[in-house]
Amino acid sequence: MANAWIKHLTAFRNSHKGMSLRDAMKGAKKTYKSAKKAVGKAVKAVTKKRRRRRKKGKKGTKKVKRKRRRRRR
């Protein structure tokens, strides 16, 4: 099973007979669009970045919390 680039290159070479492999690759490069680029652009347009909230720091250490509990009693 060939990948998309190889399929595109063979189709390009079949339509341009007599062209060397090097020149065919240069020519096919201009007309080829990879699936990753096409899908990536569509996904970026649809998805939205989410912002994460920072967690607030704890109020005091364990010792301070113990003292507060003792005062309440």
PDB file of N, CA and C in Angstrom:
ATOM      1  N   MET A   1       0.847  -1.176   0.000  1.00  0.00           N
ATOM      2  CA  MET A   1       0.000   0.000   0.000  1.00  0.00           C
ATOM      3  C   MET A   1       0.892   1.240   0.000  1.00  0.00           C
ATOM      4  N   ALA A   2       0.799   2.023  -1.052  1.00  0.00           N
ATOM      5  CA  ALA A   2       1.642   3.209  -1.198  1.00  0.00           C
ATOM      6  C   ALA A   2       1.035   4.396  -0.471  1.00  0.00           C
ATOM      7  N   ASN A   3       1.904   5.296  -0.045  1.00  0.00           N
ATOM      8  CA  ASN A   3       1.382   6.487   0.626  1.00  0.00           C
ATOM      9  C   ASN A   3       0.909   7.516  -0.406  1.00  0.00           C
ATOM     10  N   ALA A   4       0.316   8.577   0.062  1.00  0.00           N
ATOM     11  CA  ALA A   4      -0.316   9.568  -0.823  1.00  0.00           C
ATOM     12  C   ALA A   4       0.696  10.249  -1.743  1.00  0.00           C
ATOM     13  N   TRP A   5       1.906  10.498  -1.222  1.00  0.00           N
ATOM     14  CA  TRP A   5       2.919  11.170  -2.039  1.00  0.00           C
ATOM     15  C   TRP A   5       3.327  10.294  -3.226  1.00  0.00           C
ATOM     16  N   ILE A   6       3.543   9.005  -2.995  1.00  0.00           N
ATOM     17  CA  ILE A   6       3.944   8.091  -4.062  1.00  0.00           C
ATOM     18  C   ILE A   6       2.846   7.984  -5.117  1.00  0.00           C
ATOM     19  N   LYS A   7       1.604   7.903  -4.662  1.00  0.00           N
ATOM     20  CA  LYS A   7       0.479   7.856  -5.612  1.00  0.00           C
ATOM     21  C   LYS A   7       0.442   9.114  -6.468  1.00  0.00           C
ATOM     22  N   HIS A   8       0.622  10.248  -5.833  1.00  0.00           N
ATOM     23  CA  HIS A   8       0.606  11.517  -6.560  1.00  0.00           C
ATOM     24  C   HIS A   8       1.770  11.588  -7.543  1.00  0.00           C
ATOM     25  N   LEU A   9       2.939  11.140  -7.119  1.00  0.00           N
ATOM     26  CA  LEU A   9       4.123  11.176  -7.971  1.00  0.00           C
ATOM     27  C   LEU A   9       3.972  10.277  -9.191  1.00  0.00           C
ATOM     28  N   THR A  10       3.428   9.075  -9.008  1.00  0.00           N
ATOM     29  CA  THR A  10       3.236   8.169 -10.147  1.00  0.00           C
ATOM     30  C   THR A  10       2.206   8.731 -11.127  1.00  0.00           C
ATOM     31  N   ALA A  11       1.154   9.335 -10.607  1.00  0.00           N
ATOM     32  CA  ALA A  11       0.150   9.949 -11.488  1.00  0.00           C
ATOM     33  C   ALA A  11       0.765  11.116 -12.257  1.00  0.00           C
ATOM     34  N   PHE A  12       1.596  11.891 -11.602  1.00  0.00           N
ATOM     35  CA  PHE A  12       2.256  13.030 -12.249  1.00  0.00           C
ATOM     36  C   PHE A  12       3.213  12.544 -13.333  1.00  0.00           C
ATOM     37  N   ARG A  13       3.978  11.476 -13.037  1.00  0.00           N
ATOM     38  CA  ARG A  13       4.930  10.931 -14.014  1.00  0.00           C
ATOM     39  C   ARG A  13       4.214  10.335 -15.208  1.00  0.00           C
ATOM     40  N   ASN A  14       3.060   9.701 -14.991  1.00  0.00           N
ATOM     41  CA  ASN A  14       2.294   9.122 -16.098  1.00  0.00           C
ATOM     42  C   ASN A  14       1.755  10.209 -17.024  1.00  0.00           C
ATOM     43  N   SER A  15       1.409  11.354 -16.452  1.00  0.00           N
ATOM     44  CA  SER A  15       0.884  12.437 -17.287  1.00  0.00           C
ATOM     45  C   SER A  15       1.994  13.255 -17.945  1.00  0.00           C
ATOM     46  N   HIS A  16       3.231  13.124 -17.480  1.00  0.00           N
ATOM     47  CA  HIS A  16       4.377  13.849 -18.045  1.00  0.00           C
ATOM     48  C   HIS A  16       5.445  12.839 -18.476  1.00  0.00           C
ATOM     49  N   LYS A  17       5.188  12.139 -19.567  1.00  0.00           N
ATOM     50  CA  LYS A  17       6.106  11.111 -20.071  1.00  0.00           C
ATOM     51  C   LYS A  17       7.425  11.739 -20.510  1.00  0.00           C
ATOM     52  N   GLY A  18       8.514  11.001 -20.311  1.00  0.00           N
ATOM     53  CA  GLY A  18       9.829  11.459 -20.756  1.00  0.00           C
ATOM     54  C   GLY A  18      10.537  12.356 -19.757  1.00  0.00           C
ATOM     55  N   MET A  19       9.894  12.707 -18.685  1.00  0.00           N
ATOM     56  CA  MET A  19      10.494  13.573 -17.671  1.00  0.00           C
ATOM     57  C   MET A  19      11.316  12.711 -16.714  1.00  0.00           C
ATOM     58  N   SER A  20      12.461  13.211 -16.297  1.00  0.00           N
ATOM     59  CA  SER A  20      13.283  12.460 -15.350  1.00  0.00           C
ATOM     60  C   SER A  20      12.605  12.437 -13.987  1.00  0.00           C
ATOM     61  N   LEU A  21      13.039  11.483 -13.158  1.00  0.00           N
ATOM     62  CA  LEU A  21      12.450  11.366 -11.824  1.00  0.00           C
ATOM     63  C   LEU A  21      12.682  12.631 -11.014  1.00  0.00           C
ATOM     64  N   ARG A  22      13.861  13.184 -11.141  1.00  0.00           N
ATOM     65  CA  ARG A  22      14.205  14.400 -10.398  1.00  0.00           C
ATOM     66  C   ARG A  22      13.285  15.560 -10.784  1.00  0.00           C
ATOM     67  N   ASP A  23      13.117  15.761 -12.080  1.00  0.00           N
ATOM     68  CA  ASP A  23      12.239  16.848 -12.542  1.00  0.00           C
ATOM     69  C   ASP A  23      10.777  16.574 -12.201  1.00  0.00           C
ATOM     70  N   ALA A  24      10.392  15.297 -12.254  1.00  0.00           N
ATOM     71  CA  ALA A  24       9.012  14.941 -11.918  1.00  0.00           C
ATOM     72  C   ALA A  24       8.737  15.226 -10.445  1.00  0.00           C
ATOM     73  N   MET A  25       9.712  14.932  -9.594  1.00  0.00           N
ATOM     74  CA  MET A  25       9.522  15.193  -8.161  1.00  0.00           C
ATOM     75  C   MET A  25       9.402  16.686  -7.883  1.00  0.00           C
ATOM     76  N   LYS A  26      10.205  17.485  -8.584  1.00  0.00           N
ATOM     77  CA  LYS A  26      10.114  18.944  -8.423  1.00  0.00           C
ATOM     78  C   LYS A  26       8.761  19.463  -8.894  1.00  0.00           C
ATOM     79  N   GLY A  27       8.278  18.945 -10.003  1.00  0.00           N
ATOM     80  CA  GLY A  27       6.987  19.371 -10.533  1.00  0.00           C
ATOM     81  C   GLY A  27       5.827  18.918  -9.663  1.00  0.00           C
ATOM     82  N   ALA A  28       5.908  17.670  -9.174  1.00  0.00           N
ATOM     83  CA  ALA A  28       4.834  17.126  -8.345  1.00  0.00           C
ATOM     84  C   ALA A  28       4.777  17.833  -6.993  1.00  0.00           C
ATOM     85  N   LYS A  29       5.908  18.324  -6.546  1.00  0.00           N
ATOM     86  CA  LYS A  29       5.976  19.032  -5.263  1.00  0.00           C
ATOM     87  C   LYS A  29       5.076  20.266  -5.267  1.00  0.00           C
ATOM     88  N   LYS A  30       5.006  20.932  -6.398  1.00  0.00           N
ATOM     89  CA  LYS A  30       4.207  22.159  -6.504  1.00  0.00           C
ATOM     90  C   LYS A  30       2.709  21.887  -6.450  1.00  0.00           C
ATOM     91  N   THR A  31       2.286  20.718  -6.952  1.00  0.00           N
ATOM     92  CA  THR A  31       0.851  20.424  -7.022  1.00  0.00           C
ATOM     93  C   THR A  31       0.352  19.569  -5.865  1.00  0.00           C
ATOM     94  N   TYR A  32       1.268  19.043  -5.039  1.00  0.00           N
ATOM     95  CA  TYR A  32       0.885  18.137  -3.952  1.00  0.00           C
ATOM     96  C   TYR A  32       0.509  18.912  -2.700  1.00  0.00           C
ATOM     97  N   LYS A  33      -0.590  18.484  -2.083  1.00  0.00           N
ATOM     98  CA  LYS A  33      -0.993  19.031  -0.784  1.00  0.00           C
ATOM     99  C   LYS A  33      -1.165  17.860   0.158  1.00  0.00           C
ATOM    100  N   SER A  34      -0.389  17.844   1.227  1.00  0.00           N
ATOM    101  CA  SER A  34      -0.448  16.719   2.157  1.00  0.00           C
ATOM    102  C   SER A  34      -1.736  16.761   2.960  1.00  0.00           C
ATOM    103  N   ALA A  35      -2.160  15.603   3.420  1.00  0.00           N
ATOM    104  CA  ALA A  35      -3.401  15.499   4.201  1.00  0.00           C
ATOM    105  C   ALA A  35      -3.247  16.190   5.543  1.00  0.00           C
ATOM    106  N   LYS A  36      -2.056  16.157   6.121  1.00  0.00           N
ATOM    107  CA  LYS A  36      -1.844  16.785   7.422  1.00  0.00           C
ATOM    108  C   LYS A  36      -2.074  18.284   7.357  1.00  0.00           C
ATOM    109  N   LYS A  37      -1.574  18.930   6.321  1.00  0.00           N
ATOM    110  CA  LYS A  37      -1.751  20.375   6.191  1.00  0.00           C
ATOM    111  C   LYS A  37      -3.215  20.727   5.984  1.00  0.00           C
ATOM    112  N   ALA A  38      -3.885  19.976   5.121  1.00  0.00           N
ATOM    113  CA  ALA A  38      -5.284  20.260   4.825  1.00  0.00           C
ATOM    114  C   ALA A  38      -6.164  20.035   6.047  1.00  0.00           C
ATOM    115  N   VAL A  39      -5.936  18.953   6.755  1.00  0.00           N
ATOM    116  CA  VAL A  39      -6.732  18.644   7.941  1.00  0.00           C
ATOM    117  C   VAL A  39      -6.390  19.604   9.069  1.00  0.00           C
ATOM    118  N   GLY A  40      -5.111  19.928   9.221  1.00  0.00           N
ATOM    119  CA  GLY A  40      -4.680  20.822  10.287  1.00  0.00           C
ATOM    120  C   GLY A  40      -5.324  22.185  10.195  1.00  0.00           C
ATOM    121  N   LYS A  41      -5.427  22.720   8.997  1.00  0.00           N
ATOM    122  CA  LYS A  41      -6.058  24.029   8.817  1.00  0.00           C
ATOM    123  C   LYS A  41      -7.534  23.981   9.177  1.00  0.00           C
ATOM    124  N   ALA A  42      -8.211  22.907   8.796  1.00  0.00           N
ATOM    125  CA  ALA A  42      -9.631  22.776   9.092  1.00  0.00           C
ATOM    126  C   ALA A  42      -9.862  22.618  10.591  1.00  0.00           C
ATOM    127  N   VAL A  43      -9.012  21.862  11.246  1.00  0.00           N
ATOM    128  CA  VAL A  43      -9.160  21.632  12.684  1.00  0.00           C
ATOM    129  C   VAL A  43      -8.901  22.914  13.451  1.00  0.00           C
ATOM    130  N   LYS A  44      -7.902  23.685  13.060  1.00  0.00           N
ATOM    131  CA  LYS A  44      -7.609  24.942  13.738  1.00  0.00           C
ATOM    132  C   LYS A  44      -8.774  25.913  13.636  1.00  0.00           C
ATOM    133  N   ALA A  45      -9.445  25.913  12.484  1.00  0.00           N
ATOM    134  CA  ALA A  45     -10.566  26.814  12.300  1.00  0.00           C
ATOM    135  C   ALA A  45     -11.745  26.431  13.189  1.00  0.00           C
ATOM    136  N   VAL A  46     -11.910  25.141  13.451  1.00  0.00           N
ATOM    137  CA  VAL A  46     -13.054  24.665  14.219  1.00  0.00           C
ATOM    138  C   VAL A  46     -12.800  24.749  15.725  1.00  0.00           C
ATOM    139  N   THR A  47     -11.621  24.331  16.152  1.00  0.00           N
ATOM    140  CA  THR A  47     -11.348  24.286  17.583  1.00  0.00           C
ATOM    141  C   THR A  47     -11.004  25.657  18.137  1.00  0.00           C
ATOM    142  N   LYS A  48     -11.263  25.810  19.402  1.00  0.00           N
ATOM    143  CA  LYS A  48     -10.989  27.060  20.073  1.00  0.00           C
ATOM    144  C   LYS A  48     -10.125  26.765  21.286  1.00  0.00           C
ATOM    145  N   LYS A  49      -9.139  27.601  21.531  1.00  0.00           N
ATOM    146  CA  LYS A  49      -8.267  27.366  22.671  1.00  0.00           C
ATOM    147  C   LYS A  49      -9.010  27.673  23.961  1.00  0.00           C
ATOM    148  N   ARG A  50      -8.775  26.821  24.957  1.00  0.00           N
ATOM    149  CA  ARG A  50      -9.373  27.037  26.264  1.00  0.00           C
ATOM    150  C   ARG A  50      -8.318  27.576  27.202  1.00  0.00           C
ATOM    151  N   ARG A  51      -8.714  28.482  28.027  1.00  0.00           N
ATOM    152  CA  ARG A  51      -7.796  29.014  29.030  1.00  0.00           C
ATOM    153  C   ARG A  51      -8.030  28.285  30.336  1.00  0.00           C
ATOM    154  N   ARG A  52      -6.957  27.935  30.980  1.00  0.00           N
ATOM    155  CA  ARG A  52      -7.069  27.265  32.265  1.00  0.00           C
ATOM    156  C   ARG A  52      -6.949  28.277  33.386  1.00  0.00           C
ATOM    157  N   ARG A  53      -7.763  28.080  34.407  1.00  0.00           N
ATOM    158  CA  ARG A  53      -7.680  28.948  35.565  1.00  0.00           C
ATOM    159  C   ARG A  53      -6.629  28.421  36.510  1.00  0.00           C
ATOM    160  N   ARG A  54      -5.950  29.315  37.159  1.00  0.00           N
ATOM    161  CA  ARG A  54      -4.970  28.914  38.149  1.00  0.00           C
ATOM    162  C   ARG A  54      -5.673  28.586  39.451  1.00  0.00           C
ATOM    163  N   LYS A  55      -5.167  27.575  40.097  1.00  0.00           N
ATOM    164  CA  LYS A  55      -5.716  27.244  41.402  1.00  0.00           C
ATOM    165  C   LYS A  55      -5.189  28.228  42.423  1.00  0.00           C
ATOM    166  N   LYS A  56      -6.051  28.612  43.328  1.00  0.00           N
ATOM    167  CA  LYS A  56      -5.620  29.521  44.385  1.00  0.00           C
ATOM    168  C   LYS A  56      -4.755  28.760  45.371  1.00  0.00           C
ATOM    169  N   GLY A  57      -3.793  29.449  45.930  1.00  0.00           N
ATOM    170  CA  GLY A  57      -2.893  28.828  46.893  1.00  0.00           C
ATOM    171  C   GLY A  57      -3.612  28.484  48.184  1.00  0.00           C
ATOM    172  N   LYS A  58      -3.059  27.533  48.918  1.00  0.00           N
ATOM    173  CA  LYS A  58      -3.645  27.144  50.193  1.00  0.00           C
ATOM    174  C   LYS A  58      -3.426  28.244  51.217  1.00  0.00           C
ATOM    175  N   LYS A  59      -4.377  28.393  52.092  1.00  0.00           N
ATOM    176  CA  LYS A  59      -4.265  29.427  53.116  1.00  0.00           C
ATOM    177  C   LYS A  59      -3.532  28.853  54.314  1.00  0.00           C
ATOM    178  N   GLY A  60      -2.266  29.064  54.376  1.00  0.00           N
ATOM    179  CA  GLY A  60      -1.502  28.630  55.540  1.00  0.00           C
ATOM    180  C   GLY A  60      -0.977  27.213  55.425  1.00  0.00           C
ATOM    181  N   THR A  61      -0.125  26.864  56.367  1.00  0.00           N
ATOM    182  CA  THR A  61       0.458  25.538  56.414  1.00  0.00           C
ATOM    183  C   THR A  61      -0.328  24.664  57.372  1.00  0.00           C
ATOM    184  N   LYS A  62       0.131  23.459  57.570  1.00  0.00           N
ATOM    185  CA  LYS A  62      -0.562  22.535  58.472  1.00  0.00           C
ATOM    186  C   LYS A  62      -0.586  23.066  59.901  1.00  0.00           C
ATOM    187  N   LYS A  63       0.533  23.643  60.337  1.00  0.00           N
ATOM    188  CA  LYS A  63       0.601  24.174  61.702  1.00  0.00           C
ATOM    189  C   LYS A  63      -0.428  25.277  61.922  1.00  0.00           C
ATOM    190  N   VAL A  64      -0.547  26.152  60.941  1.00  0.00           N
ATOM    191  CA  VAL A  64      -1.494  27.264  61.057  1.00  0.00           C
ATOM    192  C   VAL A  64      -2.922  26.720  61.102  1.00  0.00           C
ATOM    193  N   LYS A  65      -3.214  25.715  60.313  1.00  0.00           N
ATOM    194  CA  LYS A  65      -4.554  25.137  60.301  1.00  0.00           C
ATOM    195  C   LYS A  65      -4.889  24.477  61.635  1.00  0.00           C
ATOM    196  N   ARG A  66      -3.910  23.806  62.239  1.00  0.00           N
ATOM    197  CA  ARG A  66      -4.125  23.187  63.552  1.00  0.00           C
ATOM    198  C   ARG A  66      -4.458  24.234  64.606  1.00  0.00           C
ATOM    199  N   LYS A  67      -3.724  25.347  64.586  1.00  0.00           N
ATOM    200  CA  LYS A  67      -3.979  26.422  65.545  1.00  0.00           C
ATOM    201  C   LYS A  67      -5.385  26.975  65.379  1.00  0.00           C
ATOM    202  N   ARG A  68      -5.834  27.139  64.165  1.00  0.00           N
ATOM    203  CA  ARG A  68      -7.170  27.658  63.909  1.00  0.00           C
ATOM    204  C   ARG A  68      -8.231  26.702  64.446  1.00  0.00           C
ATOM    205  N   ARG A  69      -8.022  25.399  64.240  1.00  0.00           N
ATOM    206  CA  ARG A  69      -8.976  24.405  64.748  1.00  0.00           C
ATOM    207  C   ARG A  69      -9.043  24.461  66.283  1.00  0.00           C
ATOM    208  N   ARG A  70      -7.912  24.616  66.927  1.00  0.00           N
ATOM    209  CA  ARG A  70      -7.868  24.662  68.388  1.00  0.00           C
ATOM    210  C   ARG A  70      -8.613  25.888  68.915  1.00  0.00           C
ATOM    211  N   ARG A  71      -8.467  27.003  68.218  1.00  0.00           N
ATOM    212  CA  ARG A  71      -9.142  28.235  68.654  1.00  0.00           C
ATOM    213  C   ARG A  71     -10.663  28.086  68.576  1.00  0.00           C
ATOM    214  N   ARG A  72     -11.152  27.404  67.556  1.00  0.00           N
ATOM    215  CA  ARG A  72     -12.588  27.252  67.367  1.00  0.00           C
ATOM    216  C   ARG A  72     -13.231  26.441  68.469  1.00  0.00           C
ATOM    217  N   ARG A  73     -12.514  25.487  69.025  1.00  0.00           N
ATOM    218  CA  ARG A  73     -13.073  24.616  70.068  1.00  0.00           C
ATOM    219  C   ARG A  73     -13.265  25.350  71.316  1.00  0.00           C
TER     220      ARG A  73
END
